Amino acid sequence: PNCLKGHPANCIHSSPINFGGRFLDGTTPLSQEGREVSNFFGQSSFGSYAIAKEGNVVKVDKDVDIALLGPLGCGIQTGSGTVLNRLRPEFGSSLVVYGAGAVGLSAVMAAKLVGCLNIIVVDIHDNRLELAKELGATHIINSQRDDIVEAVKDITSVGAEYGIDTTGVPFVVRSALRALMPMGTLAVVGFTPEMAIDIHNEIMSVSKSLIGVVEGDSVPQVFIPRLVEFYKQGRFPFDKLVKFYDFEDINQAFNDSADGSVIKPIVKIG
């Protein structure tokens, strides 16, 4: 029913299909030395070829390098789609992005597209915060030096209408909730462990909303081509997040991502 309503990211079978390593009928098209192997996320990665369902294929503009477009399928779509498809912040509103990785910085670019007055980015890496300013952030907060809630309220006076947590860090999620104004909404898109929340004081009594969003609640066949068009117009410069690596340098790509020096590494095969 969710797929038919235009919410394919919330398909009731999404977990077994994406993370079960097999198709819904229990089969897998992949094998190695006669042994079946997982087709993680419905396709798998780091292979020369991929097998995908026809319904998952997205037609993209031939004028744009297809190697650049891979991240649109997950992280970049998640960040921008959470803003554009789910939160839909009003013109002139305030939005705080927690985590200046590919997901968070995509949310920043989307918030700029819709005309948010305050686009606040929280991270621990100064280089990522500087890039956030280049992409549209109006304010930056290094959470290792500043109190998140106090800093957000200093900027907005009353708290932010919207927040997006990409970190999955319980302390950050709690701070993000507290930094909202009454009736504000926090979207969680990061993998977050079990954590305690004071439902009465932090949600109910202040009419706040805590929601989860998967893949930006997007219809990829519609949403991704639109992002590509915004990119071509220079209004969604996600290429600034990317660095390409040859396949033999894959370990360096992982290391650079882990230490924060590269936002979105792309490994090219062949």
Protein backbone atom coordinates (compact mmCIF):
# COMPACT_ATOMS: atom_id res chain seq x y z
CA PRO A 1 0.00 0.00 0.00
CA ASN A 2 2.79 2.49 0.72
CA CYS A 3 4.36 1.86 -2.68
CA LEU A 4 1.04 2.53 -4.39
CA LYS A 5 0.67 5.75 -2.39
CA GLY A 6 4.02 7.04 -3.67
CA HIS A 7 6.19 6.03 -0.72
CA PRO A 8 8.33 3.17 -2.08
CA ALA A 9 11.07 3.74 0.51
CA ASN A 10 8.55 2.57 3.10
CA CYS A 11 7.61 -0.66 1.35
CA ILE A 12 6.55 -3.20 3.97
CA HIS A 13 9.10 -5.66 2.50
CA SER A 14 12.01 -3.19 2.40
CA SER A 15 14.03 -4.70 5.27
CA PRO A 16 14.16 -8.29 4.00
CA ILE A 17 14.78 -7.12 0.42
CA ASN A 18 17.52 -4.63 1.30
CA PHE A 19 19.26 -6.42 4.13
CA GLY A 20 18.37 -10.09 3.72
CA GLY A 21 20.89 -10.62 0.96
CA ARG A 22 18.33 -12.37 -1.25
CA PHE A 23 15.36 -11.55 -3.42
CA LEU A 24 11.93 -11.73 -1.81
CA ASP A 25 11.46 -15.28 -3.15
CA GLY A 26 14.61 -16.38 -1.28
CA THR A 27 16.88 -16.68 -4.31
CA THR A 28 20.08 -14.82 -5.14
CA PRO A 29 21.53 -14.38 -8.65
CA LEU A 30 25.11 -14.13 -7.35
CA SER A 31 27.61 -16.87 -6.66
CA GLN A 32 31.34 -17.24 -6.19
CA GLU A 33 33.14 -20.54 -6.81
CA GLY A 34 29.82 -22.34 -6.79
CA ARG A 35 28.67 -20.81 -3.49
CA GLU A 36 25.74 -18.41 -3.27
CA VAL A 37 26.67 -14.94 -1.98
CA SER A 38 24.60 -12.04 -0.75
CA ASN A 39 23.17 -9.44 -3.10
CA PHE A 40 23.10 -6.87 -0.29
CA PHE A 41 20.75 -3.91 -0.84
CA GLY A 42 19.16 -5.71 -3.76
CA GLN A 43 22.24 -5.44 -5.97
CA SER A 44 25.54 -5.54 -4.01
CA SER A 45 28.58 -3.34 -4.57
CA PHE A 46 32.22 -3.30 -5.68
CA GLY A 47 31.44 -5.61 -8.59
CA SER A 48 31.94 -5.11 -12.31
CA TYR A 49 28.29 -5.91 -12.97
CA ALA A 50 25.05 -5.53 -11.05
CA ILE A 51 21.65 -7.18 -11.29
CA ALA A 52 18.72 -4.95 -10.43
CA LYS A 53 14.96 -5.09 -10.77
CA GLU A 54 13.69 -3.08 -13.71
CA GLY A 55 11.43 -1.11 -11.39
CA ASN A 56 14.49 0.14 -9.47
CA VAL A 57 16.27 1.59 -12.49
CA VAL A 58 16.33 5.38 -12.80
CA LYS A 59 16.86 7.01 -16.20
CA VAL A 60 19.27 9.94 -15.94
CA ASP A 61 20.49 12.74 -18.20
CA LYS A 62 23.23 11.53 -20.57
CA ASP A 63 24.92 14.96 -20.38
CA VAL A 64 26.05 14.30 -16.79
CA ASP A 65 28.83 11.86 -15.91
CA ILE A 66 27.07 8.75 -14.63
CA ALA A 67 30.00 8.03 -12.28
CA LEU A 68 29.08 11.18 -10.39
CA LEU A 69 25.44 10.19 -9.97
CA GLY A 70 25.86 7.04 -7.84
CA PRO A 71 25.52 8.84 -4.48
CA LEU A 72 22.16 10.25 -5.54
CA GLY A 73 20.64 6.82 -4.98
CA CYS A 74 21.14 6.84 -1.22
CA GLY A 75 22.84 9.50 0.91
CA ILE A 76 22.26 12.59 -1.21
CA GLN A 77 18.68 11.60 -1.95
CA THR A 78 18.12 10.95 1.75
CA GLY A 79 19.30 14.36 2.92
CA SER A 80 17.66 16.47 0.24
CA GLY A 81 14.49 14.38 0.14
CA THR A 82 13.97 14.64 3.89
CA VAL A 83 13.84 18.41 3.46
CA LEU A 84 11.95 18.62 0.18
CA ASN A 85 9.56 15.67 0.47
CA ARG A 86 8.90 15.18 4.18
CA LEU A 87 9.68 18.23 6.30
CA ARG A 88 8.84 20.77 3.61
CA PRO A 89 10.01 23.78 5.64
CA GLU A 90 8.24 27.04 5.05
CA PHE A 91 10.01 29.95 3.36
CA GLY A 92 11.82 31.91 6.06
CA SER A 93 11.86 29.10 8.62
CA SER A 94 14.83 27.75 10.60
CA LEU A 95 16.34 24.32 10.07
CA VAL A 96 19.24 22.69 11.93
CA VAL A 97 21.29 19.92 10.32
CA TYR A 98 23.22 17.66 12.69
CA GLY A 99 26.20 16.06 10.94
CA ALA A 100 27.92 17.60 7.91
CA GLY A 101 28.45 14.45 5.91
CA ALA A 102 26.94 13.70 2.52
CA VAL A 103 23.42 13.35 3.94
CA GLY A 104 23.59 16.48 6.06
CA LEU A 105 25.18 18.68 3.42
CA SER A 106 22.58 17.53 0.89
CA ALA A 107 19.94 18.71 3.35
CA VAL A 108 21.73 22.06 3.53
CA MET A 109 21.57 22.51 -0.24
CA ALA A 110 17.89 21.57 -0.23
CA ALA A 111 17.13 24.03 2.58
CA LYS A 112 18.78 26.77 0.53
CA LEU A 113 16.62 25.82 -2.46
CA VAL A 114 13.40 26.37 -0.52
CA GLY A 115 14.51 29.61 1.12
CA CYS A 116 15.05 28.77 4.79
CA LEU A 117 16.10 31.89 6.69
CA ASN A 118 18.41 30.10 9.15
CA ILE A 119 20.29 27.03 7.96
CA ILE A 120 22.35 25.91 10.94
CA VAL A 121 24.88 23.08 10.71
CA VAL A 122 26.36 21.20 13.68
CA ASP A 123 29.48 19.05 13.37
CA ILE A 124 32.86 18.41 15.02
CA HIS A 125 35.03 18.91 11.90
CA ASP A 126 35.85 22.52 11.06
CA ASN A 127 36.63 21.70 7.43
CA ARG A 128 33.16 20.21 6.98
CA LEU A 129 31.56 23.21 8.67
CA GLU A 130 33.38 25.55 6.28
CA LEU A 131 32.09 23.53 3.32
CA ALA A 132 28.59 23.76 4.82
CA LYS A 133 28.85 27.57 4.69
CA GLU A 134 29.93 27.36 1.06
CA LEU A 135 26.88 25.23 0.25
CA GLY A 136 24.35 27.49 1.96
CA ALA A 137 24.62 27.26 5.75
CA THR A 138 23.98 30.60 7.42
CA HIS A 139 25.42 29.52 10.79
CA ILE A 140 27.78 26.76 11.94
CA ILE A 141 28.28 25.19 15.37
CA ASN A 142 31.19 23.03 16.45
CA SER A 143 29.62 20.86 19.13
CA GLN A 144 33.02 20.13 20.69
CA ARG A 145 33.34 23.81 21.59
CA ASP A 146 29.76 25.07 21.97
CA ASP A 147 26.60 23.90 23.69
CA ILE A 148 24.24 22.85 20.90
CA VAL A 149 20.96 23.93 22.48
CA GLU A 150 22.23 27.29 23.69
CA ALA A 151 23.86 28.04 20.34
CA VAL A 152 20.74 27.23 18.33
CA LYS A 153 18.55 29.33 20.61
CA ASP A 154 21.02 32.21 20.46
CA ILE A 155 20.65 32.19 16.68
CA THR A 156 16.88 31.65 16.47
CA SER A 157 15.72 33.24 19.78
CA VAL A 158 13.00 30.60 20.27
CA GLY A 159 14.50 27.44 18.81
CA ALA A 160 14.30 25.97 15.32
CA GLU A 161 11.15 24.84 13.56
CA TYR A 162 12.94 21.87 12.02
CA GLY A 163 15.91 19.61 12.65
CA ILE A 164 17.54 16.69 10.84
CA ASP A 165 19.82 14.28 12.67
CA THR A 166 22.19 12.30 10.48
CA THR A 167 24.57 11.24 13.25
CA GLY A 168 22.65 8.57 15.14
CA VAL A 169 24.39 9.72 18.32
CA PRO A 170 21.92 9.65 21.26
CA PHE A 171 23.33 12.80 22.89
CA VAL A 172 22.97 14.68 19.62
CA VAL A 173 19.42 13.43 19.07
CA ARG A 174 18.39 14.61 22.55
CA SER A 175 20.05 17.98 21.99
CA ALA A 176 18.32 18.30 18.63
CA LEU A 177 14.95 17.72 20.27
CA ARG A 178 15.66 20.32 22.95
CA ALA A 179 16.82 22.84 20.36
CA LEU A 180 13.42 22.81 18.64
CA MET A 181 10.82 25.46 19.33
CA PRO A 182 7.43 24.20 20.60
CA MET A 183 5.62 22.36 17.78
CA GLY A 184 8.95 21.80 16.02
CA THR A 185 9.81 18.61 14.13
CA LEU A 186 12.98 16.52 14.26
CA ALA A 187 13.62 14.00 11.47
CA VAL A 188 16.04 11.18 12.32
CA VAL A 189 17.75 9.60 9.31
CA GLY A 190 20.86 8.09 10.92
CA PHE A 191 21.24 4.62 12.43
CA THR A 192 20.45 5.32 16.08
CA PRO A 193 20.79 2.81 18.94
CA GLU A 194 18.14 2.29 21.57
CA MET A 195 17.96 5.38 23.77
CA ALA A 196 15.80 6.95 26.47
CA ILE A 197 13.63 10.02 25.77
CA ASP A 198 11.48 11.92 28.25
CA ILE A 199 8.28 11.70 26.22
CA HIS A 200 6.29 14.06 28.47
CA ASN A 201 8.82 16.89 28.82
CA GLU A 202 10.61 16.63 25.50
CA ILE A 203 7.75 15.77 23.14
CA MET A 204 4.17 15.80 24.46
CA SER A 205 4.14 18.88 26.68
CA VAL A 206 5.80 20.99 23.96
CA SER A 207 3.88 19.44 21.02
CA LYS A 208 7.08 18.42 19.25
CA SER A 209 7.33 15.66 16.66
CA LEU A 210 10.08 13.06 16.32
CA ILE A 211 9.90 11.23 12.99
CA GLY A 212 11.98 8.75 11.05
CA VAL A 213 12.59 9.20 7.32
CA VAL A 214 13.98 6.59 4.93
CA GLU A 215 15.63 7.53 1.61
CA GLY A 216 14.13 10.99 1.78
CA ASP A 217 10.63 9.53 1.27
CA SER A 218 11.38 9.85 -2.44
CA VAL A 219 10.13 8.32 -5.66
CA PRO A 220 13.61 7.93 -7.19
CA GLN A 221 12.45 7.89 -10.81
CA VAL A 222 10.96 11.35 -10.28
CA PHE A 223 13.20 12.84 -7.59
CA ILE A 224 16.69 11.94 -8.86
CA PRO A 225 16.20 13.47 -12.34
CA ARG A 226 15.03 16.66 -10.63
CA LEU A 227 18.18 16.76 -8.50
CA VAL A 228 20.25 16.29 -11.66
CA GLU A 229 18.46 19.22 -13.28
CA PHE A 230 19.11 21.43 -10.26
CA TYR A 231 22.76 20.33 -10.43
CA LYS A 232 22.96 21.33 -14.09
CA GLN A 233 21.56 24.75 -13.16
CA GLY A 234 24.27 25.17 -10.52
CA ARG A 235 21.71 25.20 -7.70
CA PHE A 236 22.55 21.79 -6.20
CA PRO A 237 26.36 21.46 -6.42
CA PHE A 238 26.70 18.03 -4.87
CA ASP A 239 29.88 17.43 -6.87
CA LYS A 240 31.66 19.49 -4.20
CA LEU A 241 31.14 16.58 -1.81
CA VAL A 242 32.79 14.01 -4.04
CA LYS A 243 36.30 12.64 -4.52
CA PHE A 244 37.01 9.79 -6.94
CA TYR A 245 39.31 6.85 -6.15
CA ASP A 246 40.60 4.00 -8.26
CA PHE A 247 39.51 0.58 -7.05
CA GLU A 248 43.00 -0.33 -5.82
CA ASP A 249 42.78 2.69 -3.48
CA ILE A 250 39.55 1.54 -1.85
CA ASN A 251 41.11 1.27 1.62
CA GLN A 252 42.34 4.85 1.38
CA ALA A 253 38.82 5.89 0.40
CA PHE A 254 37.45 4.26 3.56
CA ASN A 255 40.13 5.89 5.71
CA ASP A 256 39.53 9.35 4.25
CA SER A 257 35.80 9.01 4.87
CA ALA A 258 36.35 7.84 8.45
CA ASP A 259 38.66 10.71 9.40
CA GLY A 260 36.37 13.33 7.86
CA SER A 261 38.79 14.57 5.21
CA VAL A 262 36.51 13.47 2.37
CA ILE A 263 32.74 13.78 2.39
CA LYS A 264 31.73 11.28 -0.28
CA PRO A 265 34.37 8.98 -1.77
CA ILE A 266 33.42 7.25 -5.02
CA VAL A 267 35.33 4.16 -6.05
CA LYS A 268 35.65 3.66 -9.81
CA ILE A 269 36.21 0.18 -11.22
CA GLY A 270 38.13 -0.13 -14.46
